């Protein structure tokens, strides 16, 4: 795999539905009701049901995994959660992810790829950086 600084990876879109949240809750064990009940989410001051942060994080890095072809090449992945992903009961939510090569270290044979994850025109992950083995 040949990477160049400034190279943009193919952008991806991920649809999150309430069904996605239930499946993720089962897989992760995170059954916090803010992820599936509007009344509970609103009772604690949220505008509605939110996607699990780790689900959003996992979907975003999939953009890089698909490009490098092997999840074992992911050496480090860090993000800051900047905005929640609101998941409408009917429409769901669409998370759009773009990725760009920012740094290449030929000596260590690694690259840093920065992600941008946007939902409803809001950036939902900040400082999303993936370090990969090249």
C-alpha atoms as a PDB file:
ATOM      1  CA  UNK A   1       0.000   0.000   0.000  1.00  0.00           C
ATOM      2  CA  UNK A   2       1.480   3.314  -1.088  1.00  0.00           C
ATOM      3  CA  UNK A   3       0.328   6.422   0.759  1.00  0.00           C
ATOM      4  CA  UNK A   4       1.177  10.039   0.138  1.00  0.00           C
ATOM      5  CA  UNK A   5       0.755  13.030   2.413  1.00  0.00           C
ATOM      6  CA  UNK A   6      -2.500  14.787   1.566  1.00  0.00           C
ATOM      7  CA  UNK A   7      -4.015  11.669   0.005  1.00  0.00           C
ATOM      8  CA  UNK A   8      -7.730  11.362   0.648  1.00  0.00           C
ATOM      9  CA  UNK A   9      -9.177   7.928   1.255  1.00  0.00           C
ATOM     10  CA  UNK A  10     -12.570   7.049  -0.213  1.00  0.00           C
ATOM     11  CA  UNK A  11     -15.298   8.665   1.888  1.00  0.00           C
ATOM     12  CA  UNK A  12     -17.908   6.463   3.526  1.00  0.00           C
ATOM     13  CA  UNK A  13     -21.453   6.888   4.780  1.00  0.00           C
ATOM     14  CA  UNK A  14     -22.870   4.837   7.637  1.00  0.00           C
ATOM     15  CA  UNK A  15     -26.587   4.635   8.370  1.00  0.00           C
ATOM     16  CA  UNK A  16     -27.422   4.189  12.045  1.00  0.00           C
ATOM     17  CA  UNK A  17     -30.934   3.066  12.938  1.00  0.00           C
ATOM     18  CA  UNK A  18     -32.606   2.271  16.224  1.00  0.00           C
ATOM     19  CA  UNK A  19     -32.138  -1.392  15.282  1.00  0.00           C
ATOM     20  CA  UNK A  20     -28.387  -0.703  14.967  1.00  0.00           C
ATOM     21  CA  UNK A  21     -28.407   0.663  18.514  1.00  0.00           C
ATOM     22  CA  UNK A  22     -30.162  -2.414  19.900  1.00  0.00           C
ATOM     23  CA  UNK A  23     -27.700  -4.713  18.137  1.00  0.00           C
ATOM     24  CA  UNK A  24     -24.740  -2.684  19.387  1.00  0.00           C
ATOM     25  CA  UNK A  25     -26.125  -2.687  22.939  1.00  0.00           C
ATOM     26  CA  UNK A  26     -26.342  -6.468  22.820  1.00  0.00           C
ATOM     27  CA  UNK A  27     -22.798  -6.817  21.509  1.00  0.00           C
ATOM     28  CA  UNK A  28     -21.251  -4.275  23.879  1.00  0.00           C
ATOM     29  CA  UNK A  29     -23.371  -4.804  26.973  1.00  0.00           C
ATOM     30  CA  UNK A  30     -24.154  -1.060  27.099  1.00  0.00           C
ATOM     31  CA  UNK A  31     -27.894  -1.026  27.754  1.00  0.00           C
ATOM     32  CA  UNK A  32     -28.101   2.575  28.944  1.00  0.00           C
ATOM     33  CA  UNK A  33     -31.691   3.575  28.021  1.00  0.00           C
ATOM     34  CA  UNK A  34     -30.555   6.896  26.489  1.00  0.00           C
ATOM     35  CA  UNK A  35     -29.568   4.729  23.531  1.00  0.00           C
ATOM     36  CA  UNK A  36     -33.059   3.363  22.884  1.00  0.00           C
ATOM     37  CA  UNK A  37     -35.742   5.301  24.817  1.00  0.00           C
ATOM     38  CA  UNK A  38     -36.676   8.855  23.897  1.00  0.00           C
ATOM     39  CA  UNK A  39     -38.468   9.469  27.196  1.00  0.00           C
ATOM     40  CA  UNK A  40     -35.418   8.562  29.276  1.00  0.00           C
ATOM     41  CA  UNK A  41     -33.060  10.527  27.024  1.00  0.00           C
ATOM     42  CA  UNK A  42     -35.278  13.595  27.285  1.00  0.00           C
ATOM     43  CA  UNK A  43     -35.705  13.167  31.051  1.00  0.00           C
ATOM     44  CA  UNK A  44     -31.941  13.595  31.487  1.00  0.00           C
ATOM     45  CA  UNK A  45     -31.855  16.667  29.242  1.00  0.00           C
ATOM     46  CA  UNK A  46     -30.957  15.123  25.900  1.00  0.00           C
ATOM     47  CA  UNK A  47     -32.843  15.986  22.714  1.00  0.00           C
ATOM     48  CA  UNK A  48     -33.518  12.308  21.990  1.00  0.00           C
ATOM     49  CA  UNK A  49     -31.914   8.901  21.628  1.00  0.00           C
ATOM     50  CA  UNK A  50     -28.165   9.012  21.045  1.00  0.00           C
ATOM     51  CA  UNK A  51     -25.905   6.534  19.296  1.00  0.00           C
ATOM     52  CA  UNK A  52     -23.274   4.932  21.500  1.00  0.00           C
ATOM     53  CA  UNK A  53     -20.052   6.911  21.207  1.00  0.00           C
ATOM     54  CA  UNK A  54     -18.043   3.751  20.726  1.00  0.00           C
ATOM     55  CA  UNK A  55     -20.345   2.686  17.888  1.00  0.00           C
ATOM     56  CA  UNK A  56     -19.697   5.987  16.120  1.00  0.00           C
ATOM     57  CA  UNK A  57     -15.975   5.616  16.769  1.00  0.00           C
ATOM     58  CA  UNK A  58     -15.971   2.064  15.410  1.00  0.00           C
ATOM     59  CA  UNK A  59     -17.854   2.978  12.269  1.00  0.00           C
ATOM     60  CA  UNK A  60     -15.499   5.873  11.566  1.00  0.00           C
ATOM     61  CA  UNK A  61     -12.317   3.786  11.782  1.00  0.00           C
ATOM     62  CA  UNK A  62     -13.860   1.232   9.418  1.00  0.00           C
ATOM     63  CA  UNK A  63     -13.085   3.713   6.643  1.00  0.00           C
ATOM     64  CA  UNK A  64      -9.361   3.213   7.295  1.00  0.00           C
ATOM     65  CA  UNK A  65      -9.640  -0.538   7.949  1.00  0.00           C
ATOM     66  CA  UNK A  66     -11.311  -1.030   4.569  1.00  0.00           C
ATOM     67  CA  UNK A  67      -8.603   0.988   2.855  1.00  0.00           C
ATOM     68  CA  UNK A  68      -5.598  -0.722   4.475  1.00  0.00           C
ATOM     69  CA  UNK A  69      -7.293  -4.118   4.188  1.00  0.00           C
ATOM     70  CA  UNK A  70      -6.406  -5.467   7.625  1.00  0.00           C
ATOM     71  CA  UNK A  71      -7.547  -4.295  11.063  1.00  0.00           C
ATOM     72  CA  UNK A  72      -4.228  -5.584  12.427  1.00  0.00           C
ATOM     73  CA  UNK A  73      -2.518  -2.648  10.709  1.00  0.00           C
ATOM     74  CA  UNK A  74      -4.265  -0.211  13.038  1.00  0.00           C
ATOM     75  CA  UNK A  75      -1.633   0.633  15.654  1.00  0.00           C
ATOM     76  CA  UNK A  76      -3.409   3.435  17.509  1.00  0.00           C
ATOM     77  CA  UNK A  77      -6.764   5.182  17.286  1.00  0.00           C
ATOM     78  CA  UNK A  78      -7.909   8.145  19.316  1.00  0.00           C
ATOM     79  CA  UNK A  79     -10.854  10.511  19.146  1.00  0.00           C
ATOM     80  CA  UNK A  80     -12.636  13.166  21.139  1.00  0.00           C
ATOM     81  CA  UNK A  81     -16.403  13.005  21.169  1.00  0.00           C
ATOM     82  CA  UNK A  82     -17.533  16.506  20.197  1.00  0.00           C
ATOM     83  CA  UNK A  83     -21.256  16.151  19.457  1.00  0.00           C
ATOM     84  CA  UNK A  84     -23.714  13.324  19.986  1.00  0.00           C
ATOM     85  CA  UNK A  85     -25.246  11.428  17.083  1.00  0.00           C
ATOM     86  CA  UNK A  86     -29.017  11.801  17.425  1.00  0.00           C
ATOM     87  CA  UNK A  87     -30.833   8.763  16.016  1.00  0.00           C
ATOM     88  CA  UNK A  88     -34.372   9.552  14.898  1.00  0.00           C
ATOM     89  CA  UNK A  89     -36.875   6.722  15.410  1.00  0.00           C
ATOM     90  CA  UNK A  90     -37.931   6.762  11.751  1.00  0.00           C
ATOM     91  CA  UNK A  91     -35.130   8.385   9.744  1.00  0.00           C
ATOM     92  CA  UNK A  92     -32.184   7.116  11.781  1.00  0.00           C
ATOM     93  CA  UNK A  93     -28.921   9.023  11.345  1.00  0.00           C
ATOM     94  CA  UNK A  94     -26.277   9.195   8.636  1.00  0.00           C
ATOM     95  CA  UNK A  95     -22.641   9.544   9.634  1.00  0.00           C
ATOM     96  CA  UNK A  96     -20.340  10.677   6.834  1.00  0.00           C
ATOM     97  CA  UNK A  97     -16.651   9.910   7.259  1.00  0.00           C
ATOM     98  CA  UNK A  98     -13.720  11.269   5.297  1.00  0.00           C
ATOM     99  CA  UNK A  99     -10.062  10.455   5.869  1.00  0.00           C
ATOM    100  CA  UNK A 100      -6.804  12.108   4.875  1.00  0.00           C
ATOM    101  CA  UNK A 101      -3.158  11.059   5.203  1.00  0.00           C
ATOM    102  CA  UNK A 102      -1.448  13.698   7.340  1.00  0.00           C
ATOM    103  CA  UNK A 103       1.940  12.220   8.154  1.00  0.00           C
ATOM    104  CA  UNK A 104       4.171   9.413   6.927  1.00  0.00           C
ATOM    105  CA  UNK A 105       7.143   8.113   8.905  1.00  0.00           C
ATOM    106  CA  UNK A 106       9.286   6.083   6.528  1.00  0.00           C
ATOM    107  CA  UNK A 107      11.640   4.992   9.310  1.00  0.00           C
ATOM    108  CA  UNK A 108       8.945   3.382  11.444  1.00  0.00           C
ATOM    109  CA  UNK A 109       6.831   2.495   8.406  1.00  0.00           C
ATOM    110  CA  UNK A 110       3.754   4.158   9.880  1.00  0.00           C
ATOM    111  CA  UNK A 111       1.299   6.807   8.756  1.00  0.00           C
ATOM    112  CA  UNK A 112      -1.166   9.039  10.541  1.00  0.00           C
ATOM    113  CA  UNK A 113      -4.587   9.354   8.976  1.00  0.00           C
ATOM    114  CA  UNK A 114      -7.031  11.929  10.290  1.00  0.00           C
ATOM    115  CA  UNK A 115     -10.765  11.286  10.155  1.00  0.00           C
ATOM    116  CA  UNK A 116     -13.640  13.712   9.892  1.00  0.00           C
ATOM    117  CA  UNK A 117     -17.013  12.345  11.004  1.00  0.00           C
ATOM    118  CA  UNK A 118     -20.091  14.466  10.366  1.00  0.00           C
ATOM    119  CA  UNK A 119     -23.759  13.882  11.162  1.00  0.00           C
ATOM    120  CA  UNK A 120     -26.501  16.392  10.357  1.00  0.00           C
ATOM    121  CA  UNK A 121     -23.812  18.926   9.373  1.00  0.00           C
ATOM    122  CA  UNK A 122     -22.142  18.658  12.806  1.00  0.00           C
ATOM    123  CA  UNK A 123     -18.671  17.263  13.385  1.00  0.00           C
ATOM    124  CA  UNK A 124     -19.233  14.444  15.869  1.00  0.00           C
ATOM    125  CA  UNK A 125     -15.629  13.307  16.410  1.00  0.00           C
ATOM    126  CA  UNK A 126     -12.741  15.665  17.026  1.00  0.00           C
ATOM    127  CA  UNK A 127      -9.021  14.943  16.824  1.00  0.00           C
ATOM    128  CA  UNK A 128      -9.832  11.592  15.267  1.00  0.00           C
ATOM    129  CA  UNK A 129      -6.426  10.168  14.417  1.00  0.00           C
ATOM    130  CA  UNK A 130      -5.471   6.702  13.271  1.00  0.00           C
ATOM    131  CA  UNK A 131      -1.894   5.465  13.170  1.00  0.00           C
ATOM    132  CA  UNK A 132      -1.402   2.591  10.713  1.00  0.00           C
ATOM    133  CA  UNK A 133       1.438   0.265   9.753  1.00  0.00           C
ATOM    134  CA  UNK A 134       2.384   0.669   6.087  1.00  0.00           C
END
